[in-house]
Amino acid sequence: MIHNKVGMFGIDLADPAFDKPGRIDMLIGAGLFWRILESGNHIQNYRQPAFQETKLGWIVGGELQTTCQPTSLNCLLLTEDLDEKLEQFWKIEEVHTQKKKQIQQDFCEIHFSKTHTRDREGRFIVELPKDDKVKLGDSFEQALRRFKSLE
């Protein structure tokens, strides 16, 4: 059992129940942290965490170095519905292509293959697609006015 008095130093920690999960009382920023430190009162031993006195009590920080070799743990958990979950994942991630885009792409490819030629420099020449269904409206007067204003 860990007590709020730490080892041979016999100091009271700012959180006497640091070893038990509990609610967080407050979060402080770096600016306030440096203001609550008590100057000169800290204890540090080789390969041990450091103890620092604050206006709220003693705090512990740093890294604990041990001579133990690192170990690894591998865990594999298989469930019967793994295949089903993977199938659901791929269904969610699947990109749905729109039929309209495919129709437009097909039209463009057919139009290109029927109307393209190459000039002497090797550049492609493709006729503009003509669609009698598209009505541009009455834009002649507006175009004429713009032309005259440029003139």
N, C-alpha and C. Protein backbone atom coordinates (compact mmCIF):
# COMPACT_ATOMS: atom_id res chain seq x y z
N MET A 1 0.84 -1.19 0.00
CA MET A 1 0.00 0.00 0.00
C MET A 1 0.89 1.25 0.00
N ILE A 2 0.52 2.21 -0.80
CA ILE A 2 1.30 3.45 -0.90
C ILE A 2 0.64 4.49 0.00
N HIS A 3 1.43 5.13 0.81
CA HIS A 3 0.91 6.18 1.70
C HIS A 3 1.25 7.54 1.11
N ASN A 4 0.64 8.57 1.68
CA ASN A 4 0.95 9.90 1.18
C ASN A 4 2.31 10.39 1.65
N LYS A 5 2.94 9.72 2.59
CA LYS A 5 4.31 10.02 2.97
C LYS A 5 5.22 9.21 2.06
N VAL A 6 6.15 9.86 1.40
CA VAL A 6 6.98 9.18 0.42
C VAL A 6 8.29 8.73 1.04
N GLY A 7 8.50 7.40 1.06
CA GLY A 7 9.75 6.75 1.43
C GLY A 7 10.48 7.36 2.60
N MET A 8 11.78 7.41 2.47
CA MET A 8 12.62 7.88 3.56
C MET A 8 12.55 9.39 3.72
N PHE A 9 11.93 10.08 2.73
CA PHE A 9 11.89 11.54 2.81
C PHE A 9 10.79 12.03 3.74
N GLY A 10 9.73 11.25 3.93
CA GLY A 10 8.63 11.63 4.81
C GLY A 10 7.98 12.93 4.41
N ILE A 11 7.68 13.11 3.15
CA ILE A 11 7.07 14.36 2.68
C ILE A 11 5.62 14.13 2.32
N ASP A 12 4.79 15.15 2.50
CA ASP A 12 3.37 15.06 2.15
C ASP A 12 3.20 15.45 0.69
N LEU A 13 2.57 14.57 -0.08
CA LEU A 13 2.33 14.85 -1.49
C LEU A 13 1.11 15.76 -1.66
N ALA A 14 1.10 16.51 -2.75
CA ALA A 14 -0.03 17.39 -3.04
C ALA A 14 -1.30 16.58 -3.24
N ASP A 15 -1.19 15.37 -3.79
CA ASP A 15 -2.34 14.47 -3.97
C ASP A 15 -2.10 13.24 -3.12
N PRO A 16 -2.70 13.18 -1.93
CA PRO A 16 -2.44 12.05 -1.04
C PRO A 16 -2.96 10.72 -1.60
N ALA A 17 -3.89 10.75 -2.54
CA ALA A 17 -4.44 9.51 -3.11
C ALA A 17 -4.04 9.40 -4.58
N PHE A 18 -2.79 9.73 -4.89
CA PHE A 18 -2.34 9.73 -6.28
C PHE A 18 -2.41 8.35 -6.92
N ASP A 19 -2.40 7.30 -6.10
CA ASP A 19 -2.38 5.94 -6.63
C ASP A 19 -3.77 5.40 -6.93
N LYS A 20 -4.81 6.18 -6.65
CA LYS A 20 -6.19 5.75 -6.91
C LYS A 20 -6.81 6.68 -7.96
N PRO A 21 -7.42 6.11 -8.99
CA PRO A 21 -8.08 6.97 -9.99
C PRO A 21 -9.17 7.82 -9.35
N GLY A 22 -9.25 9.05 -9.76
CA GLY A 22 -10.26 9.96 -9.22
C GLY A 22 -10.52 11.09 -10.19
N ARG A 23 -11.40 11.97 -9.80
CA ARG A 23 -11.73 13.08 -10.68
C ARG A 23 -10.60 14.12 -10.65
N ILE A 24 -10.48 14.86 -11.73
CA ILE A 24 -9.45 15.90 -11.84
C ILE A 24 -10.02 17.17 -11.22
N ASP A 25 -9.30 17.73 -10.26
CA ASP A 25 -9.77 18.93 -9.59
C ASP A 25 -9.60 20.16 -10.47
N MET A 26 -8.45 20.28 -11.13
CA MET A 26 -8.22 21.43 -12.00
C MET A 26 -7.04 21.14 -12.91
N LEU A 27 -7.02 21.82 -14.05
CA LEU A 27 -5.88 21.79 -14.95
C LEU A 27 -5.24 23.17 -14.91
N ILE A 28 -3.93 23.21 -14.83
CA ILE A 28 -3.26 24.50 -14.81
C ILE A 28 -2.34 24.60 -16.01
N GLY A 29 -2.13 25.81 -16.46
CA GLY A 29 -1.24 26.03 -17.59
C GLY A 29 0.20 26.18 -17.14
N ALA A 30 1.10 26.23 -18.12
CA ALA A 30 2.52 26.32 -17.82
C ALA A 30 2.86 27.61 -17.07
N GLY A 31 2.16 28.71 -17.37
CA GLY A 31 2.45 29.97 -16.68
C GLY A 31 2.19 29.88 -15.19
N LEU A 32 1.07 29.28 -14.81
CA LEU A 32 0.74 29.14 -13.40
C LEU A 32 1.63 28.09 -12.73
N PHE A 33 1.98 27.04 -13.46
CA PHE A 33 2.81 25.98 -12.90
C PHE A 33 4.11 26.55 -12.32
N TRP A 34 4.76 27.41 -13.09
CA TRP A 34 6.05 27.95 -12.62
C TRP A 34 5.88 28.88 -11.43
N ARG A 35 4.70 29.47 -11.27
CA ARG A 35 4.47 30.36 -10.13
C ARG A 35 4.21 29.61 -8.83
N ILE A 36 3.72 28.37 -8.90
CA ILE A 36 3.42 27.64 -7.66
C ILE A 36 4.62 26.85 -7.14
N LEU A 37 5.71 26.79 -7.91
CA LEU A 37 6.90 26.07 -7.43
C LEU A 37 7.56 26.83 -6.29
N GLU A 38 8.03 26.10 -5.30
CA GLU A 38 8.78 26.69 -4.20
C GLU A 38 10.26 26.61 -4.58
N SER A 39 10.95 27.70 -4.48
CA SER A 39 12.34 27.72 -4.94
C SER A 39 13.24 26.95 -3.99
N GLY A 40 14.15 26.20 -4.58
CA GLY A 40 15.19 25.52 -3.81
C GLY A 40 14.77 24.24 -3.11
N ASN A 41 13.50 23.92 -3.04
CA ASN A 41 13.07 22.74 -2.32
C ASN A 41 12.76 21.60 -3.29
N HIS A 42 13.80 20.87 -3.62
CA HIS A 42 13.56 19.69 -4.45
C HIS A 42 14.56 18.61 -4.09
N ILE A 43 14.12 17.37 -4.30
CA ILE A 43 14.95 16.22 -3.95
C ILE A 43 15.05 15.35 -5.20
N GLN A 44 16.26 14.96 -5.53
CA GLN A 44 16.43 14.07 -6.67
C GLN A 44 17.59 13.14 -6.40
N ASN A 45 17.35 11.86 -6.57
CA ASN A 45 18.39 10.84 -6.45
C ASN A 45 18.64 10.25 -7.82
N TYR A 46 19.82 9.72 -8.00
CA TYR A 46 20.21 9.11 -9.26
C TYR A 46 19.24 7.98 -9.62
N ARG A 47 18.75 7.99 -10.84
CA ARG A 47 17.83 6.98 -11.38
C ARG A 47 16.51 6.92 -10.62
N GLN A 48 16.08 8.01 -10.06
CA GLN A 48 14.81 8.06 -9.34
C GLN A 48 14.04 9.30 -9.80
N PRO A 49 12.72 9.28 -9.61
CA PRO A 49 11.95 10.49 -9.93
C PRO A 49 12.36 11.64 -9.01
N ALA A 50 12.11 12.85 -9.46
CA ALA A 50 12.43 14.04 -8.66
C ALA A 50 11.20 14.47 -7.87
N PHE A 51 11.42 15.01 -6.68
CA PHE A 51 10.37 15.56 -5.84
C PHE A 51 10.55 17.07 -5.81
N GLN A 52 9.47 17.80 -6.00
CA GLN A 52 9.53 19.26 -6.01
C GLN A 52 8.43 19.80 -5.10
N GLU A 53 8.81 20.70 -4.21
CA GLU A 53 7.81 21.30 -3.34
C GLU A 53 7.11 22.43 -4.08
N THR A 54 5.78 22.48 -3.93
CA THR A 54 4.98 23.56 -4.51
C THR A 54 4.13 24.17 -3.41
N LYS A 55 3.44 25.23 -3.75
CA LYS A 55 2.54 25.86 -2.78
C LYS A 55 1.35 24.96 -2.47
N LEU A 56 1.14 23.93 -3.31
CA LEU A 56 0.04 22.99 -3.08
C LEU A 56 0.50 21.72 -2.37
N GLY A 57 1.79 21.55 -2.19
CA GLY A 57 2.36 20.33 -1.59
C GLY A 57 3.45 19.81 -2.51
N TRP A 58 3.95 18.63 -2.20
CA TRP A 58 5.03 18.04 -2.98
C TRP A 58 4.46 17.33 -4.21
N ILE A 59 5.19 17.42 -5.32
CA ILE A 59 4.82 16.70 -6.54
C ILE A 59 6.00 15.82 -6.95
N VAL A 60 5.68 14.78 -7.72
CA VAL A 60 6.70 13.84 -8.18
C VAL A 60 6.72 13.87 -9.69
N GLY A 61 7.90 13.85 -10.28
CA GLY A 61 8.00 13.84 -11.73
C GLY A 61 9.31 13.24 -12.19
N GLY A 62 9.40 12.98 -13.46
CA GLY A 62 10.62 12.42 -14.02
C GLY A 62 10.41 11.00 -14.46
N GLU A 63 11.50 10.36 -14.80
CA GLU A 63 11.39 8.98 -15.26
C GLU A 63 12.03 8.04 -14.26
N LEU A 64 11.51 6.88 -14.20
CA LEU A 64 12.03 5.85 -13.31
C LEU A 64 12.83 4.88 -14.16
N GLN A 65 14.12 4.80 -13.90
CA GLN A 65 14.97 3.92 -14.68
C GLN A 65 15.17 2.63 -13.90
N THR A 66 14.98 1.54 -14.58
CA THR A 66 15.16 0.24 -13.95
C THR A 66 16.19 -0.56 -14.73
N THR A 67 16.65 -1.61 -14.13
CA THR A 67 17.61 -2.48 -14.81
C THR A 67 16.92 -3.62 -15.53
N CYS A 68 15.60 -3.66 -15.47
CA CYS A 68 14.86 -4.73 -16.13
C CYS A 68 14.94 -4.57 -17.64
N GLN A 69 14.98 -5.67 -18.33
CA GLN A 69 14.97 -5.66 -19.78
C GLN A 69 13.53 -5.46 -20.26
N PRO A 70 13.36 -4.69 -21.34
CA PRO A 70 12.00 -4.52 -21.84
C PRO A 70 11.42 -5.84 -22.32
N THR A 71 10.16 -6.01 -22.09
CA THR A 71 9.47 -7.21 -22.54
C THR A 71 8.42 -6.83 -23.55
N SER A 72 8.01 -7.79 -24.32
CA SER A 72 6.94 -7.51 -25.28
C SER A 72 5.79 -8.45 -25.03
N LEU A 73 4.63 -8.00 -25.38
CA LEU A 73 3.42 -8.78 -25.21
C LEU A 73 2.66 -8.72 -26.52
N ASN A 74 2.34 -9.86 -27.05
CA ASN A 74 1.55 -9.93 -28.28
C ASN A 74 0.23 -10.59 -27.95
N CYS A 75 -0.82 -10.00 -28.42
CA CYS A 75 -2.14 -10.53 -28.14
C CYS A 75 -2.91 -10.59 -29.45
N LEU A 76 -3.52 -11.72 -29.73
CA LEU A 76 -4.32 -11.88 -30.93
C LEU A 76 -5.69 -12.35 -30.49
N LEU A 77 -6.69 -11.58 -30.84
CA LEU A 77 -8.05 -11.91 -30.45
C LEU A 77 -8.86 -12.13 -31.72
N LEU A 78 -9.39 -13.30 -31.88
CA LEU A 78 -10.21 -13.61 -33.05
C LEU A 78 -11.65 -13.78 -32.61
N THR A 79 -12.53 -13.18 -33.35
CA THR A 79 -13.94 -13.35 -33.07
C THR A 79 -14.60 -13.92 -34.30
N GLU A 80 -15.71 -14.56 -34.11
CA GLU A 80 -16.39 -15.19 -35.22
C GLU A 80 -16.92 -14.18 -36.24
N ASP A 81 -17.25 -13.00 -35.80
CA ASP A 81 -17.84 -12.04 -36.73
C ASP A 81 -16.79 -11.09 -37.32
N LEU A 82 -15.52 -11.47 -37.28
CA LEU A 82 -14.47 -10.63 -37.84
C LEU A 82 -14.67 -10.42 -39.34
N ASP A 83 -14.99 -11.49 -40.05
CA ASP A 83 -15.24 -11.36 -41.49
C ASP A 83 -16.40 -10.42 -41.77
N GLU A 84 -17.43 -10.53 -40.97
CA GLU A 84 -18.61 -9.66 -41.14
C GLU A 84 -18.24 -8.20 -40.89
N LYS A 85 -17.45 -7.94 -39.87
CA LYS A 85 -17.03 -6.57 -39.56
C LYS A 85 -16.16 -6.00 -40.68
N LEU A 86 -15.25 -6.81 -41.21
CA LEU A 86 -14.41 -6.36 -42.32
C LEU A 86 -15.26 -6.06 -43.55
N GLU A 87 -16.25 -6.89 -43.80
CA GLU A 87 -17.14 -6.65 -44.95
C GLU A 87 -17.91 -5.34 -44.76
N GLN A 88 -18.39 -5.10 -43.55
CA GLN A 88 -19.09 -3.84 -43.27
C GLN A 88 -18.16 -2.65 -43.46
N PHE A 89 -16.92 -2.77 -43.01
CA PHE A 89 -15.95 -1.69 -43.15
C PHE A 89 -15.76 -1.35 -44.62
N TRP A 90 -15.54 -2.37 -45.45
CA TRP A 90 -15.29 -2.11 -46.87
C TRP A 90 -16.53 -1.58 -47.57
N LYS A 91 -17.72 -1.95 -47.12
CA LYS A 91 -18.94 -1.40 -47.70
C LYS A 91 -19.04 0.10 -47.39
N ILE A 92 -18.66 0.46 -46.17
CA ILE A 92 -18.71 1.88 -45.78
C ILE A 92 -17.69 2.68 -46.57
N GLU A 93 -16.49 2.11 -46.76
CA GLU A 93 -15.40 2.81 -47.43
C GLU A 93 -15.52 2.80 -48.96
N GLU A 94 -16.45 2.03 -49.49
CA GLU A 94 -16.58 1.89 -50.94
C GLU A 94 -16.99 3.21 -51.58
N VAL A 95 -16.35 3.53 -52.67
CA VAL A 95 -16.66 4.76 -53.39
C VAL A 95 -17.74 4.44 -54.41
N HIS A 96 -18.84 5.16 -54.32
CA HIS A 96 -19.95 4.94 -55.25
C HIS A 96 -19.81 5.90 -56.43
N THR A 97 -19.66 5.33 -57.61
CA THR A 97 -19.57 6.18 -58.80
C THR A 97 -20.97 6.48 -59.28
N GLN A 98 -21.12 7.67 -59.74
CA GLN A 98 -22.44 8.09 -60.22
C GLN A 98 -22.60 7.65 -61.66
N LYS A 99 -23.79 7.15 -61.98
CA LYS A 99 -24.07 6.69 -63.33
C LYS A 99 -23.97 7.83 -64.33
N LYS A 100 -24.39 9.02 -63.90
CA LYS A 100 -24.38 10.16 -64.81
C LYS A 100 -22.96 10.48 -65.27
N LYS A 101 -22.02 10.43 -64.34
CA LYS A 101 -20.63 10.70 -64.71
C LYS A 101 -20.13 9.66 -65.71
N GLN A 102 -20.49 8.42 -65.50
CA GLN A 102 -20.05 7.36 -66.41
C GLN A 102 -20.64 7.59 -67.80
N ILE A 103 -21.89 8.00 -67.89
CA ILE A 103 -22.52 8.27 -69.19
C ILE A 103 -21.80 9.42 -69.88
N GLN A 104 -21.47 10.47 -69.13
CA GLN A 104 -20.75 11.61 -69.71
C GLN A 104 -19.36 11.19 -70.19
N GLN A 105 -18.68 10.37 -69.41
CA GLN A 105 -17.35 9.91 -69.81
C GLN A 105 -17.43 9.06 -71.07
N ASP A 106 -18.42 8.18 -71.13
CA ASP A 106 -18.59 7.36 -72.32
C ASP A 106 -18.85 8.23 -73.54
N PHE A 107 -19.71 9.24 -73.38
CA PHE A 107 -20.02 10.15 -74.49
C PHE A 107 -18.74 10.85 -74.97
N CYS A 108 -17.93 11.33 -74.03
CA CYS A 108 -16.70 12.03 -74.39
C CYS A 108 -15.73 11.11 -75.14
N GLU A 109 -15.59 9.89 -74.67
CA GLU A 109 -14.68 8.96 -75.34
C GLU A 109 -15.15 8.63 -76.76
N ILE A 110 -16.45 8.39 -76.91
CA ILE A 110 -17.00 8.09 -78.25
C ILE A 110 -16.83 9.29 -79.17
N HIS A 111 -17.15 10.49 -78.66
CA HIS A 111 -17.03 11.70 -79.46
C HIS A 111 -15.58 11.92 -79.89
N PHE A 112 -14.64 11.71 -78.97
CA PHE A 112 -13.22 11.87 -79.28
C PHE A 112 -12.79 10.89 -80.37
N SER A 113 -13.16 9.62 -80.19
CA SER A 113 -12.72 8.61 -81.16
C SER A 113 -13.31 8.85 -82.55
N LYS A 114 -14.50 9.46 -82.63
CA LYS A 114 -15.14 9.71 -83.93
C LYS A 114 -14.62 10.97 -84.61
N THR A 115 -14.22 11.98 -83.84
CA THR A 115 -13.96 13.29 -84.44
C THR A 115 -12.52 13.76 -84.36
N HIS A 116 -11.61 13.04 -83.75
CA HIS A 116 -10.26 13.58 -83.57
C HIS A 116 -9.40 13.33 -84.81
N THR A 117 -8.49 14.28 -85.03
CA THR A 117 -7.45 14.15 -86.04
C THR A 117 -6.18 14.76 -85.45
N ARG A 118 -5.07 14.63 -86.18
CA ARG A 118 -3.83 15.25 -85.74
C ARG A 118 -3.33 16.19 -86.83
N ASP A 119 -2.76 17.32 -86.39
CA ASP A 119 -2.21 18.25 -87.37
C ASP A 119 -0.75 17.89 -87.64
N ARG A 120 -0.07 18.73 -88.40
CA ARG A 120 1.31 18.42 -88.81
C ARG A 120 2.28 18.35 -87.63
N GLU A 121 2.02 19.14 -86.56
CA GLU A 121 2.90 19.13 -85.38
C GLU A 121 2.56 17.99 -84.42
N GLY A 122 1.53 17.22 -84.72
CA GLY A 122 1.15 16.09 -83.86
C GLY A 122 0.11 16.43 -82.80
N ARG A 123 -0.41 17.66 -82.82
CA ARG A 123 -1.43 18.05 -81.85
C ARG A 123 -2.79 17.48 -82.25
N PHE A 124 -3.59 17.19 -81.23
CA PHE A 124 -4.94 16.66 -81.49
C PHE A 124 -5.88 17.80 -81.85
N ILE A 125 -6.77 17.53 -82.77
CA ILE A 125 -7.84 18.46 -83.13
C ILE A 125 -9.13 17.67 -82.94
N VAL A 126 -10.01 18.20 -82.09
CA VAL A 126 -11.27 17.53 -81.78
C VAL A 126 -12.40 18.52 -82.00
N GLU A 127 -13.44 18.07 -82.69
CA GLU A 127 -14.60 18.93 -82.90
C GLU A 127 -15.31 19.17 -81.58
N LEU A 128 -15.89 20.37 -81.46
CA LEU A 128 -16.71 20.64 -80.29
C LEU A 128 -18.00 19.84 -80.41
N PRO A 129 -18.48 19.30 -79.31
CA PRO A 129 -19.74 18.54 -79.41
C PRO A 129 -20.90 19.50 -79.69
N LYS A 130 -21.79 19.06 -80.56
CA LYS A 130 -22.96 19.87 -80.92
C LYS A 130 -24.18 19.21 -80.33
N ASP A 131 -24.96 20.01 -79.63
CA ASP A 131 -26.18 19.48 -79.03
C ASP A 131 -27.29 20.46 -79.35
N ASP A 132 -28.20 20.03 -80.21
CA ASP A 132 -29.30 20.90 -80.62
C ASP A 132 -30.29 21.14 -79.49
N LYS A 133 -30.25 20.32 -78.46
CA LYS A 133 -31.18 20.47 -77.34
C LYS A 133 -30.81 21.65 -76.46
N VAL A 134 -29.56 22.08 -76.49
CA VAL A 134 -29.10 23.17 -75.62
C VAL A 134 -29.46 24.50 -76.27
N LYS A 135 -30.19 25.32 -75.53
CA LYS A 135 -30.58 26.65 -76.00
C LYS A 135 -29.75 27.67 -75.22
N LEU A 136 -29.01 28.48 -75.97
CA LEU A 136 -28.17 29.48 -75.31
C LEU A 136 -28.94 30.74 -74.96
N GLY A 137 -30.09 30.92 -75.48
CA GLY A 137 -30.85 32.12 -75.21
C GLY A 137 -30.51 33.20 -76.21
N ASP A 138 -31.01 34.40 -75.96
CA ASP A 138 -30.78 35.52 -76.87
C ASP A 138 -29.60 36.32 -76.35
N SER A 139 -28.41 35.92 -76.75
CA SER A 139 -27.21 36.59 -76.26
C SER A 139 -26.54 37.45 -77.34
N PHE A 140 -27.12 37.49 -78.54
CA PHE A 140 -26.49 38.22 -79.63
C PHE A 140 -26.38 39.72 -79.31
N GLU A 141 -27.45 40.32 -78.84
CA GLU A 141 -27.45 41.76 -78.54
C GLU A 141 -26.41 42.09 -77.47
N GLN A 142 -26.36 41.30 -76.44
CA GLN A 142 -25.39 41.54 -75.35
C GLN A 142 -23.96 41.39 -75.88
N ALA A 143 -23.70 40.38 -76.68
CA ALA A 143 -22.37 40.17 -77.25
C ALA A 143 -21.98 41.33 -78.16
N LEU A 144 -22.94 41.84 -78.94
CA LEU A 144 -22.68 42.96 -79.84
C LEU A 144 -22.32 44.21 -79.05
N ARG A 145 -23.05 44.48 -77.97
CA ARG A 145 -22.75 45.65 -77.11
C ARG A 145 -21.34 45.53 -76.52
N ARG A 146 -20.97 44.35 -76.05
CA ARG A 146 -19.64 44.17 -75.47
C ARG A 146 -18.55 44.36 -76.54
N PHE A 147 -18.82 43.85 -77.74
CA PHE A 147 -17.87 44.00 -78.83
C PHE A 147 -17.64 45.48 -79.15
N LYS A 148 -18.76 46.25 -79.23
CA LYS A 148 -18.68 47.68 -79.55
C LYS A 148 -17.97 48.44 -78.44
N SER A 149 -18.16 48.02 -77.18
CA SER A 149 -17.47 48.72 -76.10
C SER A 149 -15.96 48.47 -76.14
N LEU A 150 -15.55 47.32 -76.61
CA LEU A 150 -14.13 47.03 -76.77
C LEU A 150 -13.53 47.78 -77.94
N GLU A 151 -14.36 48.00 -78.95
CA GLU A 151 -13.93 48.66 -80.16
C GLU A 151 -13.63 50.10 -79.86
